[in-house]
Amino acid sequence: MIDKAFLHFKGVGKKNLEKLESAGFDNWSKVISKQEEMPFSKNFSKKLISEAEENSKALKREDIYFFAKNLLSQDKWRLLERYFDKITFLDIETEGLDSNSGISLIVCLHEGKLYRFLRNENLDEFLELLPKIQLLSTFNGSSFDLPVIQNFFRIGEISCPHVDLRWVCYHLGYKGGLKSIEYKIGIQRPYDLKGVDGFEAVILWDNWNRYGDEISKNRLIRYCAADVVSLKLLTEKILIEKGINDIKNSSNDIWKILDEV
């Protein structure tokens, strides 16, 4: 599927994409192998062939970073499809509601296992997991999670490839926050977490940090972990909507993984 993406090629917009597909050029290999039949001028065709060759080489070497950097948001679902088993889903909670607040908690779903990193306990251990991440997925992470992580740990730009599901959803017609999109596509959180939001997460952190309230601590971790599990379910829904039939659709039993953290 990833080799059918053309919108990131220079000069290829909706009209030229339609022109390519109408002429039978629906993947990069056809552009390379049928150069004389390209429906464009020689100069423009030469540029497209060069880009097709570059992208084909990147695909051959499984260069995830190349595609995370170059694919447009409307085509990044293709990256999720090809490297689904390599995705690490991430969400953070903070001490306040603005981007200048310190991190209270990070939860990752990495290689099928939940990892939680809590401030004043093991938060710095997240930096040990970070280099192992092959493809990172968040919701609104480009604007919030990643800048907050970079600022908090003072690590500069996070080097692992990243896909922000907010914008993948946007190009599928799903707008708004994660929970509103969950409602639209039928993701059902465990009953005890319905209605919990970022504002309550701040209160839960405060109750744990100030007063040592274990119930608040556990609820905070469970809530953040549910966000991460939801990202996996959302990705599955996106791929199914795109016609990827061989993706395994997790059952409601996936929520049992919350008991691990």
C-alpha atoms as a PDB file:
ATOM      1  CA  MET A   1       0.000   0.000   0.000  1.00  0.00           C
ATOM      2  CA  ILE A   2       2.765   2.444   0.824  1.00  0.00           C
ATOM      3  CA  ASP A   3       4.069   2.289  -2.745  1.00  0.00           C
ATOM      4  CA  LYS A   4       0.785   3.774  -3.986  1.00  0.00           C
ATOM      5  CA  ALA A   5       1.435   7.118  -2.271  1.00  0.00           C
ATOM      6  CA  PHE A   6       2.177   9.944  -4.701  1.00  0.00           C
ATOM      7  CA  LEU A   7       0.912  13.105  -3.038  1.00  0.00           C
ATOM      8  CA  HIS A   8       4.286  13.756  -1.406  1.00  0.00           C
ATOM      9  CA  PHE A   9       5.962  13.844  -4.835  1.00  0.00           C
ATOM     10  CA  LYS A  10       6.738  17.401  -5.949  1.00  0.00           C
ATOM     11  CA  GLY A  11       4.129  18.685  -8.363  1.00  0.00           C
ATOM     12  CA  VAL A  12       1.622  15.915  -7.669  1.00  0.00           C
ATOM     13  CA  GLY A  13      -1.680  17.249  -6.395  1.00  0.00           C
ATOM     14  CA  LYS A  14      -5.174  15.879  -6.757  1.00  0.00           C
ATOM     15  CA  LYS A  15      -5.408  16.505 -10.510  1.00  0.00           C
ATOM     16  CA  ASN A  16      -2.044  14.993 -11.392  1.00  0.00           C
ATOM     17  CA  LEU A  17      -2.733  12.042  -9.108  1.00  0.00           C
ATOM     18  CA  GLU A  18      -5.969  11.381 -10.973  1.00  0.00           C
ATOM     19  CA  LYS A  19      -4.072  11.681 -14.251  1.00  0.00           C
ATOM     20  CA  LEU A  20      -1.502   9.143 -13.087  1.00  0.00           C
ATOM     21  CA  GLU A  21      -4.088   6.664 -11.872  1.00  0.00           C
ATOM     22  CA  SER A  22      -6.233   7.052 -15.011  1.00  0.00           C
ATOM     23  CA  ALA A  23      -3.181   6.154 -17.104  1.00  0.00           C
ATOM     24  CA  GLY A  24      -2.607   3.043 -14.974  1.00  0.00           C
ATOM     25  CA  PHE A  25       0.251   4.350 -12.867  1.00  0.00           C
ATOM     26  CA  ASP A  26      -0.988   3.306  -9.438  1.00  0.00           C
ATOM     27  CA  ASN A  27       2.365   2.465  -7.841  1.00  0.00           C
ATOM     28  CA  TRP A  28       6.019   3.483  -8.020  1.00  0.00           C
ATOM     29  CA  SER A  29       7.235   0.414  -9.907  1.00  0.00           C
ATOM     30  CA  LYS A  30       4.954   1.201 -12.839  1.00  0.00           C
ATOM     31  CA  VAL A  31       6.329   4.737 -12.996  1.00  0.00           C
ATOM     32  CA  ILE A  32       9.855   3.299 -13.138  1.00  0.00           C
ATOM     33  CA  SER A  33       9.148   0.459 -15.580  1.00  0.00           C
ATOM     34  CA  LYS A  34       6.843   2.294 -18.017  1.00  0.00           C
ATOM     35  CA  GLN A  35       8.624   5.595 -18.301  1.00  0.00           C
ATOM     36  CA  GLU A  36       7.763   6.172 -21.982  1.00  0.00           C
ATOM     37  CA  GLU A  37       4.030   5.953 -21.246  1.00  0.00           C
ATOM     38  CA  MET A  38       3.940   8.673 -18.596  1.00  0.00           C
ATOM     39  CA  PRO A  39       1.078  11.154 -19.269  1.00  0.00           C
ATOM     40  CA  PHE A  40       3.243  14.217 -18.619  1.00  0.00           C
ATOM     41  CA  SER A  41       5.999  16.233 -20.250  1.00  0.00           C
ATOM     42  CA  LYS A  42       9.446  14.651 -20.413  1.00  0.00           C
ATOM     43  CA  ASN A  43      10.873  17.010 -17.792  1.00  0.00           C
ATOM     44  CA  PHE A  44       8.070  16.434 -15.300  1.00  0.00           C
ATOM     45  CA  SER A  45       8.066  12.706 -15.965  1.00  0.00           C
ATOM     46  CA  LYS A  46      11.802  12.584 -15.315  1.00  0.00           C
ATOM     47  CA  LYS A  47      11.289  14.227 -11.920  1.00  0.00           C
ATOM     48  CA  LEU A  48       8.526  11.779 -10.999  1.00  0.00           C
ATOM     49  CA  ILE A  49      10.659   8.818 -12.054  1.00  0.00           C
ATOM     50  CA  SER A  50      13.515  10.089  -9.898  1.00  0.00           C
ATOM     51  CA  GLU A  51      11.215  10.405  -6.888  1.00  0.00           C
ATOM     52  CA  ALA A  52       9.720   6.967  -7.517  1.00  0.00           C
ATOM     53  CA  GLU A  53      13.221   5.488  -7.559  1.00  0.00           C
ATOM     54  CA  GLU A  54      14.191   7.300  -4.353  1.00  0.00           C
ATOM     55  CA  ASN A  55      11.036   6.139  -2.555  1.00  0.00           C
ATOM     56  CA  SER A  56      11.451   2.585  -3.819  1.00  0.00           C
ATOM     57  CA  LYS A  57      14.978   2.469  -2.429  1.00  0.00           C
ATOM     58  CA  ALA A  58      13.729   3.785   0.926  1.00  0.00           C
ATOM     59  CA  LEU A  59      11.058   1.103   0.971  1.00  0.00           C
ATOM     60  CA  LYS A  60      13.570  -1.617   0.128  1.00  0.00           C
ATOM     61  CA  ARG A  61      15.727  -0.632   3.091  1.00  0.00           C
ATOM     62  CA  GLU A  62      12.592  -0.293   5.293  1.00  0.00           C
ATOM     63  CA  ASP A  63      13.402   3.334   6.094  1.00  0.00           C
ATOM     64  CA  ILE A  64      10.503   4.192   8.395  1.00  0.00           C
ATOM     65  CA  TYR A  65      11.928   7.606   9.202  1.00  0.00           C
ATOM     66  CA  PHE A  66      12.002   8.556   5.517  1.00  0.00           C
ATOM     67  CA  PHE A  67       8.285   7.906   5.111  1.00  0.00           C
ATOM     68  CA  ALA A  68       7.276   9.416   8.453  1.00  0.00           C
ATOM     69  CA  LYS A  69       9.058  12.582   7.369  1.00  0.00           C
ATOM     70  CA  ASN A  70       7.888  12.709   3.754  1.00  0.00           C
ATOM     71  CA  LEU A  71       4.404  11.216   3.490  1.00  0.00           C
ATOM     72  CA  LEU A  72       1.557  13.701   3.774  1.00  0.00           C
ATOM     73  CA  SER A  73      -0.879  13.272   6.667  1.00  0.00           C
ATOM     74  CA  GLN A  74      -3.569  11.853   4.378  1.00  0.00           C
ATOM     75  CA  ASP A  75      -1.192   9.064   3.343  1.00  0.00           C
ATOM     76  CA  LYS A  76       0.365   8.243   6.717  1.00  0.00           C
ATOM     77  CA  TRP A  77      -2.183   5.505   7.317  1.00  0.00           C
ATOM     78  CA  ARG A  78      -0.099   3.590   4.775  1.00  0.00           C
ATOM     79  CA  LEU A  79       2.868   3.778   7.130  1.00  0.00           C
ATOM     80  CA  LEU A  80       0.694   2.503   9.983  1.00  0.00           C
ATOM     81  CA  GLU A  81      -0.446  -0.416   7.830  1.00  0.00           C
ATOM     82  CA  ARG A  82       3.021  -1.516   6.766  1.00  0.00           C
ATOM     83  CA  TYR A  83       4.644  -1.190  10.177  1.00  0.00           C
ATOM     84  CA  PHE A  84       1.669  -1.879  12.434  1.00  0.00           C
ATOM     85  CA  ASP A  85       3.551  -4.434  14.543  1.00  0.00           C
ATOM     86  CA  LYS A  86       6.387  -1.959  15.117  1.00  0.00           C
ATOM     87  CA  ILE A  87       4.227   0.882  16.474  1.00  0.00           C
ATOM     88  CA  THR A  88       4.678   2.116  20.034  1.00  0.00           C
ATOM     89  CA  PHE A  89       1.623   4.029  21.230  1.00  0.00           C
ATOM     90  CA  LEU A  90       2.293   6.824  23.736  1.00  0.00           C
ATOM     91  CA  ASP A  91       0.368   9.249  25.929  1.00  0.00           C
ATOM     92  CA  ILE A  92       1.429  11.601  28.706  1.00  0.00           C
ATOM     93  CA  GLU A  93      -0.219  13.342  31.631  1.00  0.00           C
ATOM     94  CA  THR A  94       1.009  16.613  33.111  1.00  0.00           C
ATOM     95  CA  GLU A  95       0.823  18.438  36.417  1.00  0.00           C
ATOM     96  CA  GLY A  96      -1.310  21.156  34.833  1.00  0.00           C
ATOM     97  CA  LEU A  97      -3.300  21.771  31.667  1.00  0.00           C
ATOM     98  CA  ASP A  98      -0.808  23.897  29.711  1.00  0.00           C
ATOM     99  CA  SER A  99       2.245  22.884  27.720  1.00  0.00           C
ATOM    100  CA  ASN A 100       4.590  24.407  30.315  1.00  0.00           C
ATOM    101  CA  SER A 101       3.460  21.967  32.990  1.00  0.00           C
ATOM    102  CA  GLY A 102       5.807  19.216  34.102  1.00  0.00           C
ATOM    103  CA  ILE A 103       5.166  15.597  33.188  1.00  0.00           C
ATOM    104  CA  SER A 104       3.466  13.499  35.826  1.00  0.00           C
ATOM    105  CA  LEU A 105       3.117  10.247  33.866  1.00  0.00           C
ATOM    106  CA  ILE A 106       4.055   8.598  30.565  1.00  0.00           C
ATOM    107  CA  VAL A 107       2.441   5.361  29.392  1.00  0.00           C
ATOM    108  CA  CYS A 108       3.540   3.389  26.328  1.00  0.00           C
ATOM    109  CA  LEU A 109       2.150   0.289  24.644  1.00  0.00           C
ATOM    110  CA  HIS A 110       5.369  -1.205  23.287  1.00  0.00           C
ATOM    111  CA  GLU A 111       5.623  -4.654  21.700  1.00  0.00           C
ATOM    112  CA  GLY A 112       2.294  -5.641  23.224  1.00  0.00           C
ATOM    113  CA  LYS A 113       3.193  -4.628  26.765  1.00  0.00           C
ATOM    114  CA  LEU A 114       2.205  -1.552  28.778  1.00  0.00           C
ATOM    115  CA  TYR A 115       4.989   0.486  30.367  1.00  0.00           C
ATOM    116  CA  ARG A 116       4.283   3.275  32.822  1.00  0.00           C
ATOM    117  CA  PHE A 117       6.730   5.926  33.952  1.00  0.00           C
ATOM    118  CA  LEU A 118       5.588   7.943  36.972  1.00  0.00           C
ATOM    119  CA  ARG A 119       7.170  11.091  38.303  1.00  0.00           C
ATOM    120  CA  ASN A 120       9.083  10.640  41.576  1.00  0.00           C
ATOM    121  CA  GLU A 121       9.235   6.907  40.899  1.00  0.00           C
ATOM    122  CA  ASN A 122      10.677   5.877  37.529  1.00  0.00           C
ATOM    123  CA  LEU A 123       9.949   8.678  35.046  1.00  0.00           C
ATOM    124  CA  ASP A 124      13.557   8.878  33.811  1.00  0.00           C
ATOM    125  CA  GLU A 125      13.403   5.228  32.745  1.00  0.00           C
ATOM    126  CA  PHE A 126      11.342   6.375  29.768  1.00  0.00           C
ATOM    127  CA  LEU A 127      14.625   7.553  28.252  1.00  0.00           C
ATOM    128  CA  GLU A 128      15.820   3.931  28.264  1.00  0.00           C
ATOM    129  CA  LEU A 129      12.786   2.832  26.247  1.00  0.00           C
ATOM    130  CA  LEU A 130      12.895   5.734  23.786  1.00  0.00           C
ATOM    131  CA  PRO A 131      15.834   4.444  21.657  1.00  0.00           C
ATOM    132  CA  LYS A 132      14.019   1.114  21.224  1.00  0.00           C
ATOM    133  CA  ILE A 133      10.955   2.706  19.625  1.00  0.00           C
ATOM    134  CA  GLN A 134      10.824   2.063  15.861  1.00  0.00           C
ATOM    135  CA  LEU A 135       7.629   4.008  15.107  1.00  0.00           C
ATOM    136  CA  LEU A 136       5.861   6.258  17.596  1.00  0.00           C
ATOM    137  CA  SER A 137       2.148   7.014  17.461  1.00  0.00           C
ATOM    138  CA  THR A 138       0.251   9.626  19.495  1.00  0.00           C
ATOM    139  CA  PHE A 139      -2.900  11.705  19.325  1.00  0.00           C
ATOM    140  CA  ASN A 140      -2.015  15.408  19.030  1.00  0.00           C
ATOM    141  CA  GLY A 141       1.526  14.506  20.016  1.00  0.00           C
ATOM    142  CA  SER A 142       3.065  16.868  17.469  1.00  0.00           C
ATOM    143  CA  SER A 143       1.570  19.833  19.289  1.00  0.00           C
ATOM    144  CA  PHE A 144       1.608  18.584  22.876  1.00  0.00           C
ATOM    145  CA  ASP A 145       3.183  15.298  23.976  1.00  0.00           C
ATOM    146  CA  LEU A 146       6.449  15.481  22.043  1.00  0.00           C
ATOM    147  CA  PRO A 147       7.254  19.171  22.707  1.00  0.00           C
ATOM    148  CA  VAL A 148       6.483  18.633  26.394  1.00  0.00           C
ATOM    149  CA  ILE A 149       8.747  15.547  26.525  1.00  0.00           C
ATOM    150  CA  GLN A 150      11.551  17.358  24.717  1.00  0.00           C
ATOM    151  CA  ASN A 151      11.333  20.357  27.023  1.00  0.00           C
ATOM    152  CA  PHE A 152      10.982  18.338  30.213  1.00  0.00           C
ATOM    153  CA  PHE A 153      13.918  16.011  29.579  1.00  0.00           C
ATOM    154  CA  ARG A 154      15.905  18.610  27.612  1.00  0.00           C
ATOM    155  CA  ILE A 155      16.691  16.098  24.915  1.00  0.00           C
ATOM    156  CA  GLY A 156      16.182  18.135  21.760  1.00  0.00           C
ATOM    157  CA  GLU A 157      14.214  16.659  18.888  1.00  0.00           C
ATOM    158  CA  ILE A 158      12.916  13.130  19.402  1.00  0.00           C
ATOM    159  CA  SER A 159      14.603  11.131  16.670  1.00  0.00           C
ATOM    160  CA  CYS A 160      12.228   8.201  16.264  1.00  0.00           C
ATOM    161  CA  PRO A 161       9.673   8.343  13.425  1.00  0.00           C
ATOM    162  CA  HIS A 162       6.289   9.659  14.552  1.00  0.00           C
ATOM    163  CA  VAL A 163       2.712   9.573  13.269  1.00  0.00           C
ATOM    164  CA  ASP A 164       0.141  11.882  14.844  1.00  0.00           C
ATOM    165  CA  LEU A 165      -3.224  10.117  14.626  1.00  0.00           C
ATOM    166  CA  ARG A 166      -5.077  13.382  15.075  1.00  0.00           C
ATOM    167  CA  TRP A 167      -4.210  14.414  11.527  1.00  0.00           C
ATOM    168  CA  VAL A 168      -4.709  10.966  10.047  1.00  0.00           C
ATOM    169  CA  CYS A 169      -8.233  11.090  11.519  1.00  0.00           C
ATOM    170  CA  TYR A 170      -8.749  14.634  10.287  1.00  0.00           C
ATOM    171  CA  HIS A 171      -8.228  13.586   6.677  1.00  0.00           C
ATOM    172  CA  LEU A 172     -10.745  10.777   7.160  1.00  0.00           C
ATOM    173  CA  GLY A 173     -13.343  13.296   8.321  1.00  0.00           C
ATOM    174  CA  TYR A 174     -12.975  12.682  12.058  1.00  0.00           C
ATOM    175  CA  LYS A 175     -12.366  15.950  13.855  1.00  0.00           C
ATOM    176  CA  GLY A 176     -12.158  16.858  17.521  1.00  0.00           C
ATOM    177  CA  GLY A 177     -10.490  15.238  20.511  1.00  0.00           C
ATOM    178  CA  LEU A 178      -9.695  11.580  21.023  1.00  0.00           C
ATOM    179  CA  LYS A 179     -12.765  10.827  23.113  1.00  0.00           C
ATOM    180  CA  SER A 180     -15.191  12.425  20.673  1.00  0.00           C
ATOM    181  CA  ILE A 181     -13.652  10.384  17.843  1.00  0.00           C
ATOM    182  CA  GLU A 182     -13.883   7.234  19.960  1.00  0.00           C
ATOM    183  CA  TYR A 183     -17.620   7.875  20.328  1.00  0.00           C
ATOM    184  CA  LYS A 184     -18.070   8.396  16.579  1.00  0.00           C
ATOM    185  CA  ILE A 185     -16.315   5.174  15.577  1.00  0.00           C
ATOM    186  CA  GLY A 186     -17.591   2.978  18.398  1.00  0.00           C
ATOM    187  CA  ILE A 187     -14.657   2.554  20.777  1.00  0.00           C
ATOM    188  CA  GLN A 188     -16.037   1.800  24.246  1.00  0.00           C
ATOM    189  CA  ARG A 189     -13.810   2.428  27.255  1.00  0.00           C
ATOM    190  CA  PRO A 190     -14.234   0.450  30.484  1.00  0.00           C
ATOM    191  CA  TYR A 191     -17.208   1.723  32.443  1.00  0.00           C
ATOM    192  CA  ASP A 192     -15.123   2.994  35.363  1.00  0.00           C
ATOM    193  CA  LEU A 193     -13.186   5.349  33.056  1.00  0.00           C
ATOM    194  CA  LYS A 194     -16.075   6.919  31.178  1.00  0.00           C
ATOM    195  CA  GLY A 195     -16.108  10.657  31.764  1.00  0.00           C
ATOM    196  CA  VAL A 196     -12.539  10.860  33.080  1.00  0.00           C
ATOM    197  CA  ASP A 197     -10.630  13.612  31.284  1.00  0.00           C
ATOM    198  CA  GLY A 198      -7.404  15.611  31.405  1.00  0.00           C
ATOM    199  CA  PHE A 199      -8.752  17.962  34.052  1.00  0.00           C
ATOM    200  CA  GLU A 200      -9.516  15.087  36.405  1.00  0.00           C
ATOM    201  CA  ALA A 201      -6.090  13.605  35.628  1.00  0.00           C
ATOM    202  CA  VAL A 202      -4.473  16.760  37.017  1.00  0.00           C
ATOM    203  CA  ILE A 203      -6.545  16.437  40.196  1.00  0.00           C
ATOM    204  CA  LEU A 204      -5.663  12.755  40.518  1.00  0.00           C
ATOM    205  CA  TRP A 205      -1.968  13.579  40.214  1.00  0.00           C
ATOM    206  CA  ASP A 206      -2.283  16.298  42.850  1.00  0.00           C
ATOM    207  CA  ASN A 207      -4.050  13.910  45.239  1.00  0.00           C
ATOM    208  CA  TRP A 208      -1.261  11.376  44.834  1.00  0.00           C
ATOM    209  CA  ASN A 209       1.621  13.843  44.861  1.00  0.00           C
ATOM    210  CA  ARG A 210       0.437  15.861  47.859  1.00  0.00           C
ATOM    211  CA  TYR A 211      -1.403  13.340  49.972  1.00  0.00           C
ATOM    212  CA  GLY A 212      -0.140   9.929  48.845  1.00  0.00           C
ATOM    213  CA  ASP A 213      -3.602   8.820  47.755  1.00  0.00           C
ATOM    214  CA  GLU A 214      -3.014   5.378  46.206  1.00  0.00           C
ATOM    215  CA  ILE A 215      -6.520   5.230  44.750  1.00  0.00           C
ATOM    216  CA  SER A 216      -5.898   8.463  42.825  1.00  0.00           C
ATOM    217  CA  LYS A 217      -2.504   7.198  41.655  1.00  0.00           C
ATOM    218  CA  ASN A 218      -3.941   3.955  40.327  1.00  0.00           C
ATOM    219  CA  ARG A 219      -6.845   5.719  38.650  1.00  0.00           C
ATOM    220  CA  LEU A 220      -4.474   8.172  36.961  1.00  0.00           C
ATOM    221  CA  ILE A 221      -2.318   5.351  35.596  1.00  0.00           C
ATOM    222  CA  ARG A 222      -5.369   3.392  34.457  1.00  0.00           C
ATOM    223  CA  TYR A 223      -6.780   6.454  32.690  1.00  0.00           C
ATOM    224  CA  CYS A 224      -3.558   7.236  30.813  1.00  0.00           C
ATOM    225  CA  ALA A 225      -3.118   3.567  29.893  1.00  0.00           C
ATOM    226  CA  ALA A 226      -6.667   3.563  28.502  1.00  0.00           C
ATOM    227  CA  ASP A 227      -5.725   6.469  26.230  1.00  0.00           C
ATOM    228  CA  VAL A 228      -2.835   4.396  24.903  1.00  0.00           C
ATOM    229  CA  VAL A 229      -4.958   1.290  24.324  1.00  0.00           C
ATOM    230  CA  SER A 230      -7.499   3.488  22.571  1.00  0.00           C
ATOM    231  CA  LEU A 231      -4.785   4.654  20.148  1.00  0.00           C
ATOM    232  CA  LYS A 232      -4.197   1.050  19.101  1.00  0.00           C
ATOM    233  CA  LEU A 233      -7.922   0.469  18.623  1.00  0.00           C
ATOM    234  CA  LEU A 234      -8.214   3.725  16.688  1.00  0.00           C
ATOM    235  CA  THR A 235      -5.382   2.683  14.384  1.00  0.00           C
ATOM    236  CA  GLU A 236      -7.108  -0.628  13.713  1.00  0.00           C
ATOM    237  CA  LYS A 237     -10.367   1.180  12.908  1.00  0.00           C
ATOM    238  CA  ILE A 238      -8.555   3.521  10.502  1.00  0.00           C
ATOM    239  CA  LEU A 239      -6.929   0.641   8.647  1.00  0.00           C
ATOM    240  CA  ILE A 240     -10.163  -1.325   8.411  1.00  0.00           C
ATOM    241  CA  GLU A 241     -11.890   1.771   7.026  1.00  0.00           C
ATOM    242  CA  LYS A 242      -9.111   1.969   4.425  1.00  0.00           C
ATOM    243  CA  GLY A 243      -9.856  -1.574   3.328  1.00  0.00           C
ATOM    244  CA  ILE A 244      -7.001  -3.367   5.084  1.00  0.00           C
ATOM    245  CA  ASN A 245      -8.706  -6.681   5.781  1.00  0.00           C
ATOM    246  CA  ASP A 246      -5.776  -8.636   7.177  1.00  0.00           C
ATOM    247  CA  ILE A 247      -5.348  -6.372  10.213  1.00  0.00           C
ATOM    248  CA  LYS A 248      -6.286  -8.098  13.461  1.00  0.00           C
ATOM    249  CA  ASN A 249      -9.185  -6.255  15.073  1.00  0.00           C
ATOM    250  CA  SER A 250      -8.725  -6.363  18.856  1.00  0.00           C
ATOM    251  CA  SER A 251     -11.713  -7.491  20.875  1.00  0.00           C
ATOM    252  CA  ASN A 252     -12.991  -5.796  24.000  1.00  0.00           C
ATOM    253  CA  ASP A 253     -10.692  -8.148  25.919  1.00  0.00           C
ATOM    254  CA  ILE A 254      -7.818  -5.803  25.072  1.00  0.00           C
ATOM    255  CA  TRP A 255      -8.910  -3.609  27.973  1.00  0.00           C
ATOM    256  CA  LYS A 256      -7.791  -6.367  30.344  1.00  0.00           C
ATOM    257  CA  ILE A 257      -4.243  -5.220  29.616  1.00  0.00           C
ATOM    258  CA  LEU A 258      -4.960  -2.242  31.883  1.00  0.00           C
ATOM    259  CA  ASP A 259      -4.627  -4.613  34.830  1.00  0.00           C
ATOM    260  CA  GLU A 260      -0.904  -4.916  34.020  1.00  0.00           C
ATOM    261  CA  VAL A 261      -0.066  -1.369  35.126  1.00  0.00           C
END
